[in-house]
Amino acid sequence: MSLPDGSRRGRRSRLWLAPATLLLVLLGGFAFFAGQSRARPEFPLRQTDGVAVLTGGPQRVEAGMRLLAEGKARWLIVSGVSPVADLEDLARTAGLPTEALAARTTLGHAATSTRGNGKEIAHWARSRQIRSLRVVTAAFHMPRALLELRRTLPGVSLVPHPVQTEGPRLALLAREYLKLIGAMLGLSALTSERPPS
């Protein structure tokens, strides 16, 4: 027995409803995410136990080192540093004397992804009993960085300190948004990382 034309049309329209709703949710989420990519650091800056820099773009390492030099935290970790880079190289780029930073700065060389940053930073933070942590990364990268850090550092107060607030290209934003969705779904667990040293 065939269905009346009206029933067939109703069933077809219901089949399109779920994908259309999902698309609207994704587009709305992207619009919100794009707006967050222009976030700025808090002002005035509150004191934290530590500063964590996630490498991968300009301004991040310099901002973290300046926060330490200005006394905004006791400890600094720069996570995801190239194996060939050392503190002297990074301090020179930031225009700061190495001596003022050396005893309180850790360079993490193990992380090769944001999830790896989370593990490396968590290992470091637990060893120093850090209870509050200022997180330095690009504004568009901050949501995913905080997501991964909250997974590895429950109970630690995370203070976002975004840099590069001028806004990235649309293609970069879209790629980061897809990575954020993947991380929310737990897909970042599929990446392999060296264990933190």
C-alpha atoms as a PDB file:
ATOM      1  CA  MET A   1       0.000   0.000   0.000  1.00  0.00           C
ATOM      2  CA  SER A   2       1.501   3.306  -1.074  1.00  0.00           C
ATOM      3  CA  LEU A   3       1.594   6.385   1.149  1.00  0.00           C
ATOM      4  CA  PRO A   4      -0.340   9.494   0.131  1.00  0.00           C
ATOM      5  CA  ASP A   5       1.746  12.239  -1.475  1.00  0.00           C
ATOM      6  CA  GLY A   6       1.390  14.463   1.604  1.00  0.00           C
ATOM      7  CA  SER A   7       2.835  11.745   3.898  1.00  0.00           C
ATOM      8  CA  ARG A   8       5.795  11.159   1.592  1.00  0.00           C
ATOM      9  CA  ARG A   9       6.548  14.888   1.486  1.00  0.00           C
ATOM     10  CA  GLY A  10       6.288  15.104   5.301  1.00  0.00           C
ATOM     11  CA  ARG A  11       8.684  12.194   5.741  1.00  0.00           C
ATOM     12  CA  ARG A  12      11.197  13.730   3.305  1.00  0.00           C
ATOM     13  CA  SER A  13      11.069  17.095   5.092  1.00  0.00           C
ATOM     14  CA  ARG A  14      11.676  15.367   8.449  1.00  0.00           C
ATOM     15  CA  LEU A  15      14.723  13.596   6.973  1.00  0.00           C
ATOM     16  CA  TRP A  16      16.255  17.008   6.166  1.00  0.00           C
ATOM     17  CA  LEU A  17      15.450  18.453   9.587  1.00  0.00           C
ATOM     18  CA  ALA A  18      18.292  16.726  11.525  1.00  0.00           C
ATOM     19  CA  PRO A  19      21.119  17.639   9.090  1.00  0.00           C
ATOM     20  CA  ALA A  20      19.812  21.199   8.740  1.00  0.00           C
ATOM     21  CA  THR A  21      19.666  21.583  12.539  1.00  0.00           C
ATOM     22  CA  LEU A  22      23.192  20.175  12.912  1.00  0.00           C
ATOM     23  CA  LEU A  23      24.484  22.573  10.250  1.00  0.00           C
ATOM     24  CA  LEU A  24      22.863  25.548  12.029  1.00  0.00           C
ATOM     25  CA  VAL A  25      24.380  24.487  15.357  1.00  0.00           C
ATOM     26  CA  LEU A  26      27.841  24.142  13.769  1.00  0.00           C
ATOM     27  CA  LEU A  27      27.587  27.528  12.044  1.00  0.00           C
ATOM     28  CA  GLY A  28      26.362  29.202  15.234  1.00  0.00           C
ATOM     29  CA  GLY A  29      29.203  27.574  17.173  1.00  0.00           C
ATOM     30  CA  PHE A  30      31.711  28.774  14.601  1.00  0.00           C
ATOM     31  CA  ALA A  31      30.376  32.344  14.804  1.00  0.00           C
ATOM     32  CA  PHE A  32      30.774  32.286  18.595  1.00  0.00           C
ATOM     33  CA  PHE A  33      34.235  30.714  18.284  1.00  0.00           C
ATOM     34  CA  ALA A  34      35.336  33.342  15.732  1.00  0.00           C
ATOM     35  CA  GLY A  35      34.225  36.104  18.126  1.00  0.00           C
ATOM     36  CA  GLN A  36      36.346  34.554  20.891  1.00  0.00           C
ATOM     37  CA  SER A  37      39.406  34.676  18.622  1.00  0.00           C
ATOM     38  CA  ARG A  38      39.673  38.410  19.375  1.00  0.00           C
ATOM     39  CA  ALA A  39      39.685  38.018  23.169  1.00  0.00           C
ATOM     40  CA  ARG A  40      42.210  40.029  25.182  1.00  0.00           C
ATOM     41  CA  PRO A  41      44.031  39.303  28.471  1.00  0.00           C
ATOM     42  CA  GLU A  42      42.342  40.362  31.684  1.00  0.00           C
ATOM     43  CA  PHE A  43      43.195  43.742  33.153  1.00  0.00           C
ATOM     44  CA  PRO A  44      44.519  44.273  35.738  1.00  0.00           C
ATOM     45  CA  LEU A  45      46.489  41.018  35.734  1.00  0.00           C
ATOM     46  CA  ARG A  46      46.065  38.893  38.829  1.00  0.00           C
ATOM     47  CA  GLN A  47      48.967  36.951  40.339  1.00  0.00           C
ATOM     48  CA  THR A  48      49.168  33.210  39.574  1.00  0.00           C
ATOM     49  CA  ASP A  49      51.464  30.447  40.810  1.00  0.00           C
ATOM     50  CA  GLY A  50      52.653  29.674  37.308  1.00  0.00           C
ATOM     51  CA  VAL A  51      52.579  30.636  33.645  1.00  0.00           C
ATOM     52  CA  ALA A  52      52.274  28.027  30.885  1.00  0.00           C
ATOM     53  CA  VAL A  53      53.121  28.930  27.294  1.00  0.00           C
ATOM     54  CA  LEU A  54      51.939  26.672  24.480  1.00  0.00           C
ATOM     55  CA  THR A  55      54.324  27.223  21.570  1.00  0.00           C
ATOM     56  CA  GLY A  56      53.316  27.369  17.930  1.00  0.00           C
ATOM     57  CA  GLY A  57      53.087  31.027  17.015  1.00  0.00           C
ATOM     58  CA  PRO A  58      54.626  34.472  17.469  1.00  0.00           C
ATOM     59  CA  GLN A  59      54.333  36.536  20.674  1.00  0.00           C
ATOM     60  CA  ARG A  60      53.573  33.575  22.943  1.00  0.00           C
ATOM     61  CA  VAL A  61      57.032  32.890  24.413  1.00  0.00           C
ATOM     62  CA  GLU A  62      57.843  36.590  24.750  1.00  0.00           C
ATOM     63  CA  ALA A  63      54.560  37.228  26.584  1.00  0.00           C
ATOM     64  CA  GLY A  64      55.175  34.356  29.004  1.00  0.00           C
ATOM     65  CA  MET A  65      58.726  35.416  29.780  1.00  0.00           C
ATOM     66  CA  ARG A  66      57.688  39.012  30.347  1.00  0.00           C
ATOM     67  CA  LEU A  67      54.964  37.882  32.776  1.00  0.00           C
ATOM     68  CA  LEU A  68      57.591  35.956  34.761  1.00  0.00           C
ATOM     69  CA  ALA A  69      60.095  38.835  34.639  1.00  0.00           C
ATOM     70  CA  GLU A  70      57.411  41.265  35.847  1.00  0.00           C
ATOM     71  CA  GLY A  71      56.646  39.076  38.874  1.00  0.00           C
ATOM     72  CA  LYS A  72      53.166  37.949  37.784  1.00  0.00           C
ATOM     73  CA  ALA A  73      54.024  34.331  38.674  1.00  0.00           C
ATOM     74  CA  ARG A  74      56.712  32.280  40.434  1.00  0.00           C
ATOM     75  CA  TRP A  75      57.220  29.643  37.729  1.00  0.00           C
ATOM     76  CA  LEU A  76      57.135  29.382  33.921  1.00  0.00           C
ATOM     77  CA  ILE A  77      56.924  26.436  31.557  1.00  0.00           C
ATOM     78  CA  VAL A  78      57.271  26.786  27.796  1.00  0.00           C
ATOM     79  CA  SER A  79      55.723  23.615  26.397  1.00  0.00           C
ATOM     80  CA  GLY A  80      56.448  22.205  22.954  1.00  0.00           C
ATOM     81  CA  VAL A  81      59.860  23.827  22.492  1.00  0.00           C
ATOM     82  CA  SER A  82      62.003  22.681  19.577  1.00  0.00           C
ATOM     83  CA  PRO A  83      64.702  20.210  20.725  1.00  0.00           C
ATOM     84  CA  VAL A  84      67.393  22.545  19.371  1.00  0.00           C
ATOM     85  CA  ALA A  85      66.175  25.691  21.181  1.00  0.00           C
ATOM     86  CA  ASP A  86      67.484  26.652  24.602  1.00  0.00           C
ATOM     87  CA  LEU A  87      66.598  29.269  27.201  1.00  0.00           C
ATOM     88  CA  GLU A  88      69.279  31.660  25.997  1.00  0.00           C
ATOM     89  CA  ASP A  89      67.767  31.682  22.480  1.00  0.00           C
ATOM     90  CA  LEU A  90      64.260  32.321  23.801  1.00  0.00           C
ATOM     91  CA  ALA A  91      65.346  35.007  26.284  1.00  0.00           C
ATOM     92  CA  ARG A  92      67.312  36.816  23.569  1.00  0.00           C
ATOM     93  CA  THR A  93      64.224  36.872  21.339  1.00  0.00           C
ATOM     94  CA  ALA A  94      62.202  38.320  24.235  1.00  0.00           C
ATOM     95  CA  GLY A  95      64.930  40.884  24.979  1.00  0.00           C
ATOM     96  CA  LEU A  96      65.361  39.627  28.547  1.00  0.00           C
ATOM     97  CA  PRO A  97      68.462  38.521  30.502  1.00  0.00           C
ATOM     98  CA  THR A  98      68.718  34.738  30.845  1.00  0.00           C
ATOM     99  CA  GLU A  99      69.946  34.957  34.448  1.00  0.00           C
ATOM    100  CA  ALA A 100      66.687  36.482  35.672  1.00  0.00           C
ATOM    101  CA  LEU A 101      64.662  33.587  34.213  1.00  0.00           C
ATOM    102  CA  ALA A 102      66.847  30.490  34.405  1.00  0.00           C
ATOM    103  CA  ALA A 103      66.042  29.240  37.905  1.00  0.00           C
ATOM    104  CA  ARG A 104      62.280  29.596  37.439  1.00  0.00           C
ATOM    105  CA  THR A 105      61.813  28.498  33.816  1.00  0.00           C
ATOM    106  CA  THR A 106      61.277  25.006  32.423  1.00  0.00           C
ATOM    107  CA  LEU A 107      61.501  24.214  28.723  1.00  0.00           C
ATOM    108  CA  GLY A 108      59.317  21.271  27.755  1.00  0.00           C
ATOM    109  CA  HIS A 109      60.522  19.455  24.653  1.00  0.00           C
ATOM    110  CA  ALA A 110      58.141  16.456  24.647  1.00  0.00           C
ATOM    111  CA  ALA A 111      54.835  17.933  23.431  1.00  0.00           C
ATOM    112  CA  THR A 112      54.030  17.898  19.721  1.00  0.00           C
ATOM    113  CA  SER A 113      50.286  18.640  19.985  1.00  0.00           C
ATOM    114  CA  THR A 114      47.865  20.550  22.195  1.00  0.00           C
ATOM    115  CA  ARG A 115      46.977  17.336  24.028  1.00  0.00           C
ATOM    116  CA  GLY A 116      50.702  16.733  24.544  1.00  0.00           C
ATOM    117  CA  ASN A 117      51.009  20.290  25.908  1.00  0.00           C
ATOM    118  CA  GLY A 118      48.288  19.449  28.422  1.00  0.00           C
ATOM    119  CA  LYS A 119      50.136  16.355  29.653  1.00  0.00           C
ATOM    120  CA  GLU A 120      53.524  18.072  29.766  1.00  0.00           C
ATOM    121  CA  ILE A 121      52.168  21.107  31.626  1.00  0.00           C
ATOM    122  CA  ALA A 122      50.193  18.926  34.074  1.00  0.00           C
ATOM    123  CA  HIS A 123      53.293  16.887  34.961  1.00  0.00           C
ATOM    124  CA  TRP A 124      55.232  20.109  35.595  1.00  0.00           C
ATOM    125  CA  ALA A 125      52.398  21.782  37.555  1.00  0.00           C
ATOM    126  CA  ARG A 126      51.880  18.801  39.884  1.00  0.00           C
ATOM    127  CA  SER A 127      55.596  18.661  40.678  1.00  0.00           C
ATOM    128  CA  ARG A 128      55.421  22.318  41.814  1.00  0.00           C
ATOM    129  CA  GLN A 129      52.015  22.107  43.541  1.00  0.00           C
ATOM    130  CA  ILE A 130      50.616  24.794  41.240  1.00  0.00           C
ATOM    131  CA  ARG A 131      47.063  25.831  42.130  1.00  0.00           C
ATOM    132  CA  SER A 132      46.631  28.709  39.649  1.00  0.00           C
ATOM    133  CA  LEU A 133      48.023  28.858  36.140  1.00  0.00           C
ATOM    134  CA  ARG A 134      48.047  31.603  33.513  1.00  0.00           C
ATOM    135  CA  VAL A 135      47.764  30.036  30.049  1.00  0.00           C
ATOM    136  CA  VAL A 136      49.487  31.870  27.179  1.00  0.00           C
ATOM    137  CA  THR A 137      48.630  30.968  23.597  1.00  0.00           C
ATOM    138  CA  ALA A 138      46.967  32.515  20.551  1.00  0.00           C
ATOM    139  CA  ALA A 139      43.415  33.698  21.184  1.00  0.00           C
ATOM    140  CA  PHE A 140      41.981  31.343  18.539  1.00  0.00           C
ATOM    141  CA  HIS A 141      43.856  28.388  20.110  1.00  0.00           C
ATOM    142  CA  MET A 142      42.789  29.184  23.691  1.00  0.00           C
ATOM    143  CA  PRO A 143      39.489  27.181  23.794  1.00  0.00           C
ATOM    144  CA  ARG A 144      41.229  23.937  22.802  1.00  0.00           C
ATOM    145  CA  ALA A 145      44.208  24.618  25.077  1.00  0.00           C
ATOM    146  CA  LEU A 146      41.922  25.170  28.074  1.00  0.00           C
ATOM    147  CA  LEU A 147      39.894  22.058  27.209  1.00  0.00           C
ATOM    148  CA  GLU A 148      42.986  19.845  27.214  1.00  0.00           C
ATOM    149  CA  LEU A 149      44.404  21.474  30.364  1.00  0.00           C
ATOM    150  CA  ARG A 150      41.138  21.053  32.273  1.00  0.00           C
ATOM    151  CA  ARG A 151      41.293  17.336  31.485  1.00  0.00           C
ATOM    152  CA  THR A 152      44.781  16.976  32.939  1.00  0.00           C
ATOM    153  CA  LEU A 153      44.628  19.602  35.710  1.00  0.00           C
ATOM    154  CA  PRO A 154      41.233  19.361  37.421  1.00  0.00           C
ATOM    155  CA  GLY A 155      41.115  21.647  40.435  1.00  0.00           C
ATOM    156  CA  VAL A 156      43.737  24.077  39.101  1.00  0.00           C
ATOM    157  CA  SER A 157      42.466  27.582  38.360  1.00  0.00           C
ATOM    158  CA  LEU A 158      43.262  28.406  34.709  1.00  0.00           C
ATOM    159  CA  VAL A 159      43.549  32.064  33.677  1.00  0.00           C
ATOM    160  CA  PRO A 160      43.528  32.641  29.895  1.00  0.00           C
ATOM    161  CA  HIS A 161      46.095  35.099  28.550  1.00  0.00           C
ATOM    162  CA  PRO A 162      45.453  35.271  24.787  1.00  0.00           C
ATOM    163  CA  VAL A 163      47.931  36.825  22.378  1.00  0.00           C
ATOM    164  CA  GLN A 164      47.606  37.545  18.635  1.00  0.00           C
ATOM    165  CA  THR A 165      44.249  39.253  19.149  1.00  0.00           C
ATOM    166  CA  GLU A 166      44.184  40.835  15.676  1.00  0.00           C
ATOM    167  CA  GLY A 167      42.376  37.717  14.383  1.00  0.00           C
ATOM    168  CA  PRO A 168      43.655  34.947  12.133  1.00  0.00           C
ATOM    169  CA  ARG A 169      42.673  34.105   8.552  1.00  0.00           C
ATOM    170  CA  LEU A 170      39.293  32.438   8.017  1.00  0.00           C
ATOM    171  CA  ALA A 171      40.847  29.152   6.812  1.00  0.00           C
ATOM    172  CA  LEU A 172      42.999  28.932   9.973  1.00  0.00           C
ATOM    173  CA  LEU A 173      39.980  29.684  12.150  1.00  0.00           C
ATOM    174  CA  ALA A 174      37.912  26.993  10.427  1.00  0.00           C
ATOM    175  CA  ARG A 175      40.711  24.435  10.840  1.00  0.00           C
ATOM    176  CA  GLU A 176      41.080  25.260  14.541  1.00  0.00           C
ATOM    177  CA  TYR A 177      37.305  25.050  15.031  1.00  0.00           C
ATOM    178  CA  LEU A 178      37.288  21.529  13.551  1.00  0.00           C
ATOM    179  CA  LYS A 179      40.200  20.570  15.825  1.00  0.00           C
ATOM    180  CA  LEU A 180      38.269  21.903  18.815  1.00  0.00           C
ATOM    181  CA  ILE A 181      35.232  19.791  17.896  1.00  0.00           C
ATOM    182  CA  GLY A 182      37.522  16.768  17.499  1.00  0.00           C
ATOM    183  CA  ALA A 183      39.060  17.416  20.922  1.00  0.00           C
ATOM    184  CA  MET A 184      35.600  17.757  22.477  1.00  0.00           C
ATOM    185  CA  LEU A 185      34.729  14.352  20.999  1.00  0.00           C
ATOM    186  CA  GLY A 186      37.926  12.872  22.460  1.00  0.00           C
ATOM    187  CA  LEU A 187      39.647  12.380  19.096  1.00  0.00           C
ATOM    188  CA  SER A 188      42.786  14.161  20.310  1.00  0.00           C
ATOM    189  CA  ALA A 189      43.490  11.033  22.385  1.00  0.00           C
ATOM    190  CA  LEU A 190      44.418   9.290  19.122  1.00  0.00           C
ATOM    191  CA  THR A 191      47.603  11.366  18.733  1.00  0.00           C
ATOM    192  CA  SER A 192      50.797   9.806  20.066  1.00  0.00           C
ATOM    193  CA  GLU A 193      53.133  11.809  22.309  1.00  0.00           C
ATOM    194  CA  ARG A 194      56.476  11.299  23.983  1.00  0.00           C
ATOM    195  CA  PRO A 195      56.085  11.017  27.783  1.00  0.00           C
ATOM    196  CA  PRO A 196      56.986  14.218  29.696  1.00  0.00           C
ATOM    197  CA  SER A 197      60.515  14.194  31.075  1.00  0.00           C
END
